[in-house]
Protein backbone atom coordinates (compact mmCIF):
# COMPACT_ATOMS: atom_id res chain seq x y z
CA MET A 1 -28.52 -71.44 -9.54
CA GLN A 2 -31.42 -72.00 -11.98
CA GLU A 3 -31.39 -74.91 -14.32
CA ILE A 4 -31.77 -75.78 -18.01
CA LYS A 5 -33.18 -79.23 -18.55
CA PHE A 6 -31.70 -81.30 -21.40
CA ILE A 7 -33.79 -84.29 -22.28
CA THR A 8 -31.99 -86.95 -24.23
CA THR A 9 -31.86 -90.72 -24.89
CA ASN A 10 -29.03 -93.21 -25.16
CA HIS A 11 -27.06 -93.44 -28.36
CA CYS A 12 -28.63 -90.20 -29.85
CA SER A 13 -26.07 -88.41 -32.26
CA LEU A 14 -28.56 -85.45 -32.57
CA CYS A 15 -28.50 -85.14 -28.76
CA SER A 16 -24.66 -85.16 -28.51
CA LYS A 17 -24.52 -82.26 -31.06
CA GLY A 18 -27.35 -80.44 -29.28
CA PHE A 19 -25.78 -80.83 -25.88
CA SER A 20 -22.66 -79.13 -27.11
CA LYS A 21 -24.70 -76.09 -28.31
CA VAL A 22 -26.56 -76.00 -24.93
CA GLN A 23 -23.30 -76.07 -23.07
CA ARG A 24 -21.80 -73.33 -25.15
CA LEU A 25 -24.83 -71.03 -24.48
CA PHE A 26 -25.73 -71.74 -20.92
CA LYS A 27 -22.97 -73.43 -18.88
CA PHE A 28 -21.72 -70.25 -17.23
CA PHE A 29 -25.22 -69.03 -16.14
CA PHE A 30 -27.14 -72.17 -15.41
CA VAL A 31 -26.92 -75.84 -14.11
CA ILE A 32 -27.61 -78.03 -17.12
CA LYS A 33 -29.59 -81.09 -15.86
CA VAL A 34 -29.50 -84.00 -18.17
CA ILE A 35 -32.61 -86.14 -18.13
CA ASN A 36 -32.94 -89.56 -19.80
CA ALA A 37 -36.32 -89.54 -21.60
CA GLU A 38 -36.57 -93.35 -21.37
CA GLN A 39 -36.39 -93.24 -17.61
CA GLU A 40 -38.05 -89.97 -16.59
CA SER A 41 -39.79 -88.03 -19.30
CA LYS A 42 -41.43 -90.45 -21.60
CA GLU A 43 -43.65 -87.79 -23.10
CA TYR A 44 -40.55 -86.48 -24.86
CA ILE A 45 -39.19 -89.75 -26.11
CA PHE A 46 -39.82 -89.13 -29.73
CA ARG A 47 -38.88 -85.47 -29.60
CA VAL A 48 -35.32 -85.61 -28.21
CA PRO A 49 -33.27 -83.62 -27.73
CA VAL A 50 -35.57 -81.19 -25.92
CA VAL A 51 -34.30 -78.26 -23.99
CA LEU A 52 -36.59 -76.86 -21.24
CA TYR A 53 -36.29 -73.65 -19.15
CA LYS A 54 -38.98 -73.35 -16.34
CA ASN A 55 -40.91 -76.13 -18.06
CA LYS A 56 -41.18 -74.21 -21.33
CA ILE A 57 -39.58 -75.73 -24.46
CA LEU A 58 -36.85 -73.62 -25.85
CA ASP A 59 -36.12 -75.98 -28.82
CA GLU A 60 -36.36 -79.70 -29.77
CA GLY A 61 -35.05 -81.93 -32.44
CA LYS A 62 -32.27 -80.42 -34.47
CA LEU A 63 -31.35 -77.59 -31.97
CA SER A 64 -30.64 -74.08 -33.28
CA SER A 65 -28.47 -71.79 -31.19
CA ILE A 66 -30.58 -68.73 -32.42
CA LYS A 67 -33.85 -70.42 -31.62
CA LEU A 68 -32.51 -71.33 -28.09
CA ILE A 69 -31.61 -67.76 -27.35
CA LEU A 70 -34.78 -66.20 -28.88
CA ASN A 71 -37.01 -68.63 -26.99
CA PHE A 72 -35.11 -68.16 -23.78
CA ILE A 73 -35.54 -64.38 -23.97
CA LYS A 74 -39.27 -64.78 -24.76
CA SER A 75 -39.58 -67.01 -21.65
CA LEU A 76 -38.17 -64.18 -19.48
CA THR A 77 -40.85 -61.80 -20.63
CA SER A 78 -43.90 -64.10 -20.26
């Protein structure tokens, strides 16, 4: 099964809300891999939460369900 990467940090309320959106949209179709930016992806540390699909950013910061879906569709065609 393909995966969606969710990059987060500890104690991030924006990340908690964003993760709920990502789960609602993708949990039945993808594995959602949670990555701690402080340990693994330091280039995203000031941009969390960040959602990646095939190393393309679907959305970051305050996540939008519409933007996540539209950017996911765009990533399929490119």
